[in-house]
């Protein structure tokens, strides 16, 4: 029987494994070709709960339409939503718009470069703040997201259930490349994506795993349909009900929610983007 490696040795073997995978199979993604924090922010918000393949064309279109933070901040929210429609979770577009406006007005158009100041911006939570530090500024910060979580559960917690992030974070911190976190996190994310495709999703063993609700017929589907129709032209409630094939009661609930969130407005008898 071979010698069981120490924890330090196991971590070194792990790092070599991740690097070897990336060297042969690393993905070329458009947001990896830039360190512009605005571009990184757009990609990070788009990638939340959305597959890479769906994000890439929208990322290019968004930056073509709003090439700078200033252009985005000055654009009407309705224009921003029109470009975003199709990605889903459209509230992210509003938060991105609000974030751009906050950076312009409160930070003179310059992205904050500390974790605490980034967290104070609209739409930026702990992961996004850490991701901006790593990918835009190459500043080491411990972050965790779905693919990173999958890698560490797969390698260090085989056969375990309900693995908390608190158990993963020390390992992520100990293996972090503090000189080049930008590339290291890209390596982890690509490796984690491959693990999920090859072996099934290790995140089912995470204490934080939740089963996503069925999309077909969901409120999320109706919201997306409403915003898509309204982005094309103003619609009455009746026409929306016909287009979305949904009852008036259910539609009215969605319309009121979207209106409250500021994603649509009503002018006289029609609904439209703000």
Protein backbone atom coordinates (compact mmCIF):
# COMPACT_ATOMS: atom_id res chain seq x y z
CA UNK A 1 0.00 0.00 0.00
CA UNK A 2 1.36 3.40 -0.97
CA UNK A 3 2.05 6.17 1.48
CA UNK A 4 -0.95 8.38 2.18
CA UNK A 5 -0.02 11.98 1.23
CA UNK A 6 -0.11 14.66 3.89
CA UNK A 7 -2.66 17.45 3.52
CA UNK A 8 0.06 19.75 2.19
CA UNK A 9 1.12 17.16 -0.37
CA UNK A 10 -2.51 16.51 -1.34
CA UNK A 11 -3.03 20.22 -1.99
CA UNK A 12 0.08 20.34 -4.20
CA UNK A 13 -1.15 17.34 -6.19
CA UNK A 14 -4.54 19.03 -6.52
CA UNK A 15 -3.01 22.25 -7.86
CA UNK A 16 -0.95 20.31 -10.41
CA UNK A 17 -4.08 18.45 -11.53
CA UNK A 18 -6.03 21.66 -12.09
CA UNK A 19 -3.17 23.30 -13.96
CA UNK A 20 -2.62 20.24 -16.16
CA UNK A 21 -6.31 20.16 -17.12
CA UNK A 22 -6.36 23.85 -18.01
CA UNK A 23 -3.17 23.64 -20.04
CA UNK A 24 -4.83 21.11 -22.35
CA UNK A 25 -8.47 22.17 -22.19
CA UNK A 26 -8.74 25.78 -21.03
CA UNK A 27 -11.56 27.74 -22.66
CA UNK A 28 -11.15 30.96 -24.63
CA UNK A 29 -13.84 33.33 -23.35
CA UNK A 30 -14.22 37.00 -24.35
CA UNK A 31 -14.18 38.37 -20.79
CA UNK A 32 -10.85 36.64 -20.17
CA UNK A 33 -9.23 38.85 -22.80
CA UNK A 34 -9.78 42.01 -20.78
CA UNK A 35 -9.05 43.48 -17.38
CA UNK A 36 -11.53 46.34 -17.86
CA UNK A 37 -13.63 46.24 -14.66
CA UNK A 38 -16.72 47.40 -16.59
CA UNK A 39 -16.45 44.47 -18.99
CA UNK A 40 -15.81 42.10 -16.10
CA UNK A 41 -18.86 43.44 -14.24
CA UNK A 42 -21.09 42.94 -17.29
CA UNK A 43 -19.88 39.35 -17.68
CA UNK A 44 -20.26 38.49 -14.01
CA UNK A 45 -23.84 39.74 -13.77
CA UNK A 46 -24.77 38.01 -17.03
CA UNK A 47 -23.23 34.73 -15.91
CA UNK A 48 -25.30 34.55 -12.73
CA UNK A 49 -27.58 31.52 -13.19
CA UNK A 50 -27.03 31.61 -16.97
CA UNK A 51 -24.99 29.27 -19.15
CA UNK A 52 -21.81 30.55 -20.79
CA UNK A 53 -23.06 29.69 -24.30
CA UNK A 54 -26.10 31.95 -23.86
CA UNK A 55 -24.07 34.78 -22.35
CA UNK A 56 -21.39 35.15 -25.04
CA UNK A 57 -23.57 36.71 -27.81
CA UNK A 58 -25.39 38.95 -25.32
CA UNK A 59 -22.08 40.07 -23.82
CA UNK A 60 -20.83 41.16 -27.24
CA UNK A 61 -24.13 42.88 -28.09
CA UNK A 62 -24.31 44.66 -24.75
CA UNK A 63 -20.78 46.08 -25.00
CA UNK A 64 -21.35 47.07 -28.62
CA UNK A 65 -24.48 48.97 -27.55
CA UNK A 66 -23.01 50.38 -24.33
CA UNK A 67 -19.24 50.40 -24.92
CA UNK A 68 -18.40 52.38 -21.79
CA UNK A 69 -19.63 52.71 -18.25
CA UNK A 70 -20.66 56.29 -19.04
CA UNK A 71 -22.77 55.22 -22.03
CA UNK A 72 -24.57 52.66 -19.88
CA UNK A 73 -25.17 55.08 -17.03
CA UNK A 74 -26.69 57.70 -19.34
CA UNK A 75 -28.87 55.28 -21.29
CA UNK A 76 -32.58 54.96 -20.46
CA UNK A 77 -33.31 51.81 -18.48
CA UNK A 78 -35.70 50.69 -21.23
CA UNK A 79 -32.84 50.58 -23.74
CA UNK A 80 -30.76 48.49 -21.34
CA UNK A 81 -33.62 46.04 -20.83
CA UNK A 82 -34.16 45.68 -24.58
CA UNK A 83 -30.59 44.49 -25.04
CA UNK A 84 -30.83 42.20 -22.00
CA UNK A 85 -34.12 40.51 -22.94
CA UNK A 86 -33.58 36.82 -23.60
CA UNK A 87 -31.04 36.28 -20.82
CA UNK A 88 -33.66 36.03 -18.09
CA UNK A 89 -33.51 37.34 -14.53
CA UNK A 90 -33.99 40.81 -16.01
CA UNK A 91 -33.65 42.51 -12.63
CA UNK A 92 -29.90 42.03 -13.13
CA UNK A 93 -30.02 44.55 -15.99
CA UNK A 94 -31.59 47.16 -13.74
CA UNK A 95 -28.98 46.54 -11.04
CA UNK A 96 -26.17 46.79 -13.59
CA UNK A 97 -27.61 50.08 -14.83
CA UNK A 98 -27.92 51.40 -11.26
CA UNK A 99 -24.36 50.25 -10.49
CA UNK A 100 -23.00 52.17 -13.48
CA UNK A 101 -24.86 55.31 -12.40
CA UNK A 102 -23.52 54.99 -8.84
CA UNK A 103 -19.92 54.66 -10.03
CA UNK A 104 -20.32 57.69 -12.29
CA UNK A 105 -21.96 59.90 -9.67
CA UNK A 106 -20.22 58.78 -6.46
CA UNK A 107 -16.83 57.59 -7.74
CA UNK A 108 -16.27 59.95 -10.69
CA UNK A 109 -16.43 57.04 -13.10
CA UNK A 110 -13.60 55.12 -11.44
CA UNK A 111 -14.27 51.59 -10.17
CA UNK A 112 -13.57 51.12 -6.46
CA UNK A 113 -10.75 48.66 -5.84
CA UNK A 114 -11.51 47.47 -2.32
CA UNK A 115 -13.85 44.68 -1.33
CA UNK A 116 -15.83 46.84 1.10
CA UNK A 117 -16.38 49.68 -1.37
CA UNK A 118 -17.41 47.28 -4.14
CA UNK A 119 -19.97 45.66 -1.83
CA UNK A 120 -21.68 49.01 -1.38
CA UNK A 121 -22.51 49.22 -5.09
CA UNK A 122 -25.96 48.14 -6.35
CA UNK A 123 -26.11 44.53 -7.53
CA UNK A 124 -22.71 43.55 -6.15
CA UNK A 125 -22.65 40.84 -3.50
CA UNK A 126 -19.73 39.00 -1.87
CA UNK A 127 -18.96 36.77 -4.85
CA UNK A 128 -19.15 39.55 -7.49
CA UNK A 129 -16.98 41.86 -5.38
CA UNK A 130 -14.35 39.15 -5.01
CA UNK A 131 -14.57 38.27 -8.71
CA UNK A 132 -14.00 41.90 -9.70
CA UNK A 133 -10.95 42.04 -7.47
CA UNK A 134 -9.54 38.86 -8.98
CA UNK A 135 -10.42 39.25 -12.66
CA UNK A 136 -10.19 43.03 -13.09
CA UNK A 137 -7.45 43.93 -10.62
CA UNK A 138 -5.68 40.58 -10.14
CA UNK A 139 -6.07 41.05 -6.39
CA UNK A 140 -6.25 37.79 -4.41
CA UNK A 141 -9.55 37.27 -2.64
CA UNK A 142 -11.21 34.01 -1.64
CA UNK A 143 -14.31 33.45 -3.76
CA UNK A 144 -16.68 30.55 -4.34
CA UNK A 145 -19.21 29.89 -7.08
CA UNK A 146 -20.81 26.82 -8.61
CA UNK A 147 -17.83 25.47 -10.56
CA UNK A 148 -15.29 26.21 -7.84
CA UNK A 149 -17.57 24.55 -5.31
CA UNK A 150 -17.85 21.48 -7.56
CA UNK A 151 -14.06 21.12 -7.83
CA UNK A 152 -13.41 21.16 -4.09
CA UNK A 153 -16.30 18.88 -3.18
CA UNK A 154 -15.24 16.40 -5.86
CA UNK A 155 -11.60 16.30 -4.76
CA UNK A 156 -11.75 16.70 -1.00
CA UNK A 157 -15.16 15.45 0.13
CA UNK A 158 -15.90 12.21 -1.78
CA UNK A 159 -18.79 10.33 -0.22
CA UNK A 160 -19.77 13.26 1.99
CA UNK A 161 -23.20 14.90 2.06
CA UNK A 162 -24.33 18.42 2.92
CA UNK A 163 -20.83 19.86 2.65
CA UNK A 164 -20.93 23.49 3.86
CA UNK A 165 -19.05 26.27 2.11
CA UNK A 166 -17.33 26.92 5.43
CA UNK A 167 -15.48 23.63 4.92
CA UNK A 168 -14.43 24.59 1.39
CA UNK A 169 -13.28 28.17 1.93
CA UNK A 170 -10.08 27.32 3.88
CA UNK A 171 -9.04 24.96 1.07
CA UNK A 172 -9.78 27.58 -1.58
CA UNK A 173 -7.72 30.09 0.38
CA UNK A 174 -4.77 27.70 0.84
CA UNK A 175 -4.58 26.81 -2.85
CA UNK A 176 -5.11 30.36 -4.15
CA UNK A 177 -2.39 31.66 -6.44
CA UNK A 178 -1.85 35.03 -4.77
CA UNK A 179 0.39 36.26 -7.60
CA UNK A 180 -2.09 35.49 -10.38
CA UNK A 181 -5.57 34.81 -8.98
CA UNK A 182 -7.12 35.84 -12.31
CA UNK A 183 -5.73 32.82 -14.14
CA UNK A 184 -6.09 30.42 -11.20
CA UNK A 185 -9.80 31.07 -10.81
CA UNK A 186 -10.27 30.65 -14.57
CA UNK A 187 -8.54 27.28 -14.24
CA UNK A 188 -10.80 26.21 -11.39
CA UNK A 189 -13.96 27.27 -13.20
CA UNK A 190 -13.08 25.41 -16.38
CA UNK A 191 -12.06 22.31 -14.44
CA UNK A 192 -15.28 22.43 -12.41
CA UNK A 193 -17.39 22.79 -15.54
CA UNK A 194 -15.72 19.68 -16.98
CA UNK A 195 -16.17 17.68 -13.74
CA UNK A 196 -19.91 18.38 -13.75
CA UNK A 197 -20.26 17.22 -17.35
CA UNK A 198 -18.02 14.18 -16.89
CA UNK A 199 -19.08 12.88 -13.48
CA UNK A 200 -22.35 14.60 -12.62
CA UNK A 201 -22.73 17.64 -10.43
CA UNK A 202 -20.85 17.30 -7.10
CA UNK A 203 -22.79 20.31 -5.85
CA UNK A 204 -25.71 18.01 -5.11
CA UNK A 205 -23.61 17.09 -2.07
CA UNK A 206 -23.41 20.74 -1.00
CA UNK A 207 -25.33 21.99 2.02
CA UNK A 208 -26.29 24.96 -0.16
CA UNK A 209 -27.70 22.97 -3.08
CA UNK A 210 -31.26 23.70 -4.08
CA UNK A 211 -33.33 22.12 -6.83
CA UNK A 212 -34.27 24.70 -9.44
CA UNK A 213 -37.99 24.97 -10.02
CA UNK A 214 -39.46 23.93 -13.35
CA UNK A 215 -39.25 26.77 -15.87
CA UNK A 216 -42.17 25.80 -18.09
CA UNK A 217 -45.29 27.57 -16.84
CA UNK A 218 -43.41 29.31 -14.02
CA UNK A 219 -43.70 32.93 -12.96
CA UNK A 220 -40.14 33.35 -14.26
CA UNK A 221 -41.26 32.25 -17.72
CA UNK A 222 -44.23 34.64 -17.68
CA UNK A 223 -42.01 37.53 -16.55
CA UNK A 224 -39.59 36.84 -19.37
CA UNK A 225 -42.39 36.63 -21.92
CA UNK A 226 -43.94 39.90 -20.75
CA UNK A 227 -40.65 41.76 -20.97
CA UNK A 228 -39.92 40.29 -24.38
CA UNK A 229 -43.31 41.35 -25.78
CA UNK A 230 -43.19 44.79 -24.18
CA UNK A 231 -39.65 45.35 -25.48
CA UNK A 232 -40.98 44.92 -29.03
CA UNK A 233 -43.95 47.29 -28.64
CA UNK A 234 -46.37 48.62 -26.05
CA UNK A 235 -49.04 46.09 -25.06
CA UNK A 236 -52.39 46.11 -23.31
CA UNK A 237 -53.05 43.62 -20.54
CA UNK A 238 -55.46 41.78 -22.82
CA UNK A 239 -52.94 41.44 -25.66
CA UNK A 240 -50.27 40.24 -23.22
CA UNK A 241 -52.61 37.58 -21.86
CA UNK A 242 -53.24 36.32 -25.39
CA UNK A 243 -49.56 36.38 -26.40
CA UNK A 244 -48.33 34.73 -23.21
CA UNK A 245 -51.27 32.27 -23.04
CA UNK A 246 -51.81 33.00 -19.36
CA UNK A 247 -54.86 33.82 -17.25
CA UNK A 248 -55.62 37.45 -16.45
CA UNK A 249 -55.30 36.83 -12.70
CA UNK A 250 -51.85 35.29 -13.02
CA UNK A 251 -50.73 37.90 -15.51
CA UNK A 252 -51.91 40.78 -13.34
CA UNK A 253 -49.83 39.47 -10.46
CA UNK A 254 -46.72 39.39 -12.67
CA UNK A 255 -47.44 42.83 -14.12
CA UNK A 256 -47.76 44.35 -10.67
CA UNK A 257 -44.49 42.75 -9.56
CA UNK A 258 -42.61 43.98 -12.64
CA UNK A 259 -44.11 47.45 -12.22
CA UNK A 260 -43.12 47.57 -8.54
CA UNK A 261 -39.56 46.57 -9.49
CA UNK A 262 -39.41 49.34 -12.07
CA UNK A 263 -38.96 47.00 -15.01
CA UNK A 264 -42.17 48.08 -16.77
CA UNK A 265 -44.49 51.09 -16.55
CA UNK A 266 -48.11 51.67 -17.52
CA UNK A 267 -49.08 54.63 -19.67
CA UNK A 268 -52.82 55.00 -19.99
CA UNK A 269 -53.97 51.53 -21.03
CA UNK A 270 -50.67 50.06 -22.27
CA UNK A 271 -47.57 48.55 -20.70
CA UNK A 272 -44.08 49.49 -21.88
CA UNK A 273 -40.47 49.58 -20.80
CA UNK A 274 -39.40 52.54 -18.63
